[in-house]
Protein backbone atom coordinates (compact mmCIF):
# COMPACT_ATOMS: atom_id res chain seq x y z
CA MET A 1 -11.15 -5.37 -21.00
CA LEU A 2 -8.76 -4.68 -17.76
CA GLN A 3 -6.99 -2.00 -19.82
CA GLN A 4 -9.99 -0.18 -20.64
CA GLN A 5 -11.83 -0.33 -17.20
CA LEU A 6 -8.37 1.11 -15.96
CA THR A 7 -8.27 4.03 -18.75
CA SER A 8 -11.97 4.78 -17.75
CA LEU A 9 -11.05 4.81 -13.89
CA LEU A 10 -7.53 7.12 -14.29
CA ALA A 11 -9.86 9.06 -16.12
CA GLN A 12 -12.30 10.07 -12.88
CA THR A 13 -8.74 10.85 -10.83
CA ASP A 14 -5.99 13.66 -11.51
CA ILE A 15 -3.59 10.85 -11.56
CA ALA A 16 -1.53 10.91 -14.69
CA LEU A 17 0.24 7.25 -15.78
CA THR A 18 2.20 6.21 -18.92
CA GLU A 19 0.80 3.44 -21.20
CA LYS A 20 4.02 1.32 -19.42
CA GLN A 21 2.62 2.23 -15.60
CA GLN A 22 -0.74 1.18 -17.02
CA GLN A 23 0.28 -1.97 -18.91
CA GLN A 24 2.35 -2.73 -15.34
CA LEU A 25 -0.86 -2.44 -13.36
CA VAL A 26 -2.99 -4.30 -15.97
CA GLN A 27 -0.16 -7.58 -15.61
CA TYR A 28 0.03 -6.99 -11.92
CA VAL A 29 -3.58 -7.62 -11.86
CA GLU A 30 -3.79 -10.73 -14.10
CA LEU A 31 -0.53 -12.31 -12.05
CA LEU A 32 -2.78 -11.84 -8.63
CA ASP A 33 -6.07 -13.59 -10.75
CA LYS A 34 -3.40 -16.37 -11.70
CA TRP A 35 -1.72 -16.83 -8.26
CA ASN A 36 -4.94 -16.08 -6.24
CA LYS A 37 -6.61 -19.55 -7.40
CA ALA A 38 -3.48 -21.65 -6.18
CA TYR A 39 -2.13 -19.53 -3.19
CA ASN A 40 -5.60 -17.10 -1.96
CA LEU A 41 -3.93 -14.13 -1.59
CA THR A 42 -7.04 -11.76 -1.67
CA SER A 43 -10.75 -12.39 -1.10
CA VAL A 44 -11.58 -10.60 -4.14
CA ARG A 45 -11.85 -12.78 -7.04
CA LEU A 46 -12.80 -11.10 -9.91
CA PRO A 47 -10.05 -8.96 -11.69
CA GLU A 48 -12.80 -6.32 -12.18
CA GLU A 49 -13.50 -6.00 -9.08
CA MET A 50 -9.57 -6.27 -7.69
CA MET A 51 -8.92 -2.99 -10.21
CA ILE A 52 -11.41 -1.34 -8.09
CA LYS A 53 -10.94 -2.56 -4.96
CA HIS A 54 -7.17 -2.76 -4.62
CA ILE A 55 -5.61 -1.02 -7.32
CA MET A 56 -7.25 2.04 -7.69
CA ASP A 57 -8.00 1.75 -3.53
CA SER A 58 -4.16 1.87 -3.69
CA LEU A 59 -3.22 4.09 -6.20
CA VAL A 60 -4.97 7.38 -4.45
CA VAL A 61 -2.30 7.27 -2.12
CA ALA A 62 0.24 8.03 -4.47
CA PRO A 63 0.13 11.86 -4.63
CA HIS A 64 0.31 12.14 -1.06
CA LEU A 65 4.20 10.65 -0.19
CA LYS A 66 6.30 13.15 -0.50
CA GLY A 67 9.64 11.15 0.49
CA LYS A 68 11.77 8.16 -1.17
CA HIS A 69 12.14 5.41 1.12
CA TYR A 70 8.90 3.56 2.64
CA ILE A 71 7.90 0.39 4.04
CA ASP A 72 4.66 -1.45 3.72
CA VAL A 73 3.94 -3.30 6.72
CA GLY A 74 1.62 -6.46 6.06
CA THR A 75 1.56 -5.85 2.50
CA GLY A 76 0.18 -8.77 1.39
CA PRO A 77 -0.15 -9.76 -2.22
CA GLY A 78 1.51 -5.93 -2.40
CA LEU A 79 -1.35 -3.94 -1.36
CA PRO A 80 -0.60 -0.84 -1.50
CA GLY A 81 3.18 -1.42 -2.17
CA ILE A 82 3.26 -3.03 -5.69
CA VAL A 83 0.96 -0.06 -6.87
CA LEU A 84 2.76 2.39 -5.52
CA ALA A 85 5.97 1.41 -6.77
CA ILE A 86 4.55 1.45 -10.12
CA ALA A 87 3.17 4.88 -9.77
CA LEU A 88 6.13 6.45 -8.13
CA PRO A 89 9.20 4.91 -10.10
CA ASP A 90 11.74 6.85 -8.18
CA THR A 91 10.31 5.99 -4.69
CA GLN A 92 11.97 2.92 -2.92
CA PHE A 93 9.47 0.39 -1.19
CA ILE A 94 10.13 -2.69 1.57
CA LEU A 95 7.02 -4.77 1.06
CA LEU A 96 7.25 -6.90 4.29
CA ASP A 97 5.09 -9.66 4.99
CA SER A 98 6.03 -12.82 7.27
CA LEU A 99 4.05 -15.53 5.23
CA GLY A 100 6.28 -17.03 2.35
CA LYS A 101 3.65 -17.71 -0.14
CA ARG A 102 2.99 -13.95 -0.56
CA VAL A 103 6.57 -13.16 -0.64
CA ARG A 104 7.51 -15.62 -3.14
CA PHE A 105 4.46 -13.85 -5.25
CA LEU A 106 5.97 -11.04 -4.96
CA MET A 107 9.20 -11.71 -5.98
CA GLN A 108 7.50 -12.85 -9.19
CA VAL A 109 5.86 -9.70 -9.89
CA LYS A 110 9.02 -7.76 -9.15
CA HIS A 111 10.71 -9.90 -11.90
CA ALA A 112 7.88 -10.24 -14.07
CA LEU A 113 7.03 -6.19 -14.38
CA GLY A 114 10.71 -5.12 -13.86
CA LEU A 115 10.27 -3.19 -10.45
CA GLU A 116 13.91 -1.96 -9.30
CA ASN A 117 12.18 0.14 -7.00
CA VAL A 118 10.91 -2.98 -4.75
CA THR A 119 12.34 -5.15 -2.09
CA PRO A 120 10.06 -8.21 -0.91
CA VAL A 121 11.30 -9.02 2.55
CA GLN A 122 9.73 -12.16 4.67
CA SER A 123 9.90 -11.00 8.40
CA ARG A 124 7.59 -10.47 11.34
CA VAL A 125 7.56 -6.55 11.77
CA GLU A 126 8.79 -6.42 14.85
CA GLU A 127 12.28 -8.53 14.10
CA TYR A 128 12.83 -6.19 11.07
CA GLN A 129 15.55 -3.70 11.14
CA PRO A 130 15.56 -1.14 8.14
CA SER A 131 18.76 -0.54 6.42
CA VAL A 132 18.07 2.70 5.42
CA LYS A 133 16.24 6.03 7.17
CA LEU A 134 12.66 5.59 6.27
CA ASP A 135 10.30 8.37 5.46
CA GLY A 136 7.36 6.44 6.22
CA VAL A 137 5.72 3.41 7.54
CA LEU A 138 2.47 2.14 5.35
CA SER A 139 -0.38 0.22 6.06
CA ARG A 140 -3.73 -0.66 4.97
CA ALA A 141 -3.42 -4.44 7.26
CA PHE A 142 -3.43 -3.29 10.38
CA ALA A 143 -6.85 -3.83 12.87
CA SER A 144 -6.12 -0.06 14.58
CA LEU A 145 -4.26 2.61 14.27
CA GLN A 146 -2.72 1.81 18.34
CA ASP A 147 -1.19 -1.49 16.43
CA MET A 148 0.28 -0.09 13.91
CA VAL A 149 2.02 2.60 16.11
CA ASP A 150 2.78 -0.54 18.53
CA TRP A 151 4.27 -2.85 16.00
CA CYS A 152 6.07 -0.16 13.73
CA ALA A 153 7.40 2.38 16.23
CA HIS A 154 11.04 1.20 15.45
CA LEU A 155 10.83 1.53 12.12
CA ILE A 156 11.01 5.32 11.70
CA ASP A 157 12.52 8.28 13.64
CA HIS A 158 10.90 11.79 14.60
CA SER A 159 11.00 12.81 11.00
CA GLY A 160 9.12 9.60 9.66
CA LYS A 161 5.18 9.56 9.51
CA PHE A 162 2.61 6.35 10.26
CA ILE A 163 0.58 6.46 7.29
CA ALA A 164 -2.49 4.70 7.71
CA LEU A 165 -4.88 3.33 4.86
CA LYS A 166 -8.59 3.41 6.40
CA GLY A 167 -12.08 3.45 5.60
CA VAL A 168 -14.41 5.30 7.70
CA PHE A 169 -12.76 8.10 9.95
CA PRO A 170 -11.65 6.32 13.06
CA SER A 171 -12.23 8.74 15.19
CA GLU A 172 -11.87 6.53 18.39
CA GLU A 173 -8.88 5.04 17.69
CA LEU A 174 -7.43 8.73 17.47
CA ASP A 175 -8.61 9.32 20.97
CA SER A 176 -7.08 6.69 22.33
CA LEU A 177 -3.33 6.95 20.73
CA PRO A 178 -0.54 6.01 22.78
CA LYS A 179 1.65 8.60 24.65
CA GLY A 180 4.28 10.10 22.44
CA ILE A 181 2.24 9.29 18.97
CA LYS A 182 0.68 12.86 17.73
CA PHE A 183 -2.21 13.35 14.99
CA ASP A 184 -0.96 15.08 12.13
CA GLU A 185 -3.60 15.09 9.27
CA LYS A 186 -6.63 13.06 7.62
CA ILE A 187 -6.63 13.12 3.80
CA SER A 188 -10.51 11.82 2.46
CA LEU A 189 -9.56 10.06 -0.75
CA GLU A 190 -12.21 9.89 -3.89
CA VAL A 191 -12.05 6.06 -5.16
CA PRO A 192 -13.67 5.98 -8.00
CA GLU A 193 -16.63 3.51 -8.64
CA LEU A 194 -16.18 2.50 -5.22
CA ASP A 195 -19.49 3.60 -2.92
CA ALA A 196 -17.16 3.35 0.38
CA GLN A 197 -15.06 6.41 2.72
CA ARG A 198 -11.20 5.84 2.56
CA HIS A 199 -9.12 8.15 4.49
CA LEU A 200 -5.62 8.36 4.69
CA ILE A 201 -4.37 9.03 8.26
CA ILE A 202 -1.31 10.33 9.07
CA LEU A 203 0.66 10.21 12.66
CA SER A 204 4.01 11.05 14.20
CA LYS A 205 6.00 10.39 16.75
CA ASP A 206 5.71 13.83 19.84
């Protein structure tokens, strides 16, 4: 059922995935559903809903990532990081979370799905120092753009991007960006069968 649902959802986008990638996404949803019962990783309980609200919601970001090294801050159960790592096997993703149970789940997913391009890390963001130059900081977890920039400024240099997954276009947040941060681009995202606004907000250092 999940495989059929995924095939139908993908047909409503321009995203092409191999059979293996589709199987990995289905397997990820099955693992998330299984672990969620014990570890409470997401408030979304039904696998069919996870497929739309988590998988597709993350997947539509993939065509907009041009770099090769990203960090997903506050990744939780791996959103959007695991989904993007499946879709972009040649791109490296560090998945950062401060909670041990989430990082244990991510290690299990990495192992079960054979994801060589994923590095789960348990750390608070302000204490983490990347060992490679990062092209961008991704997050769908931060309450505000201000928080994201404040907590993550040390992770990228002037060539890197802050990439925030947001719902409604955050005009007030953009009006109060801290000094030294500039608004580069907004991208409207269409998530199949999700009746809600989604935007990708891209910022960089001045």
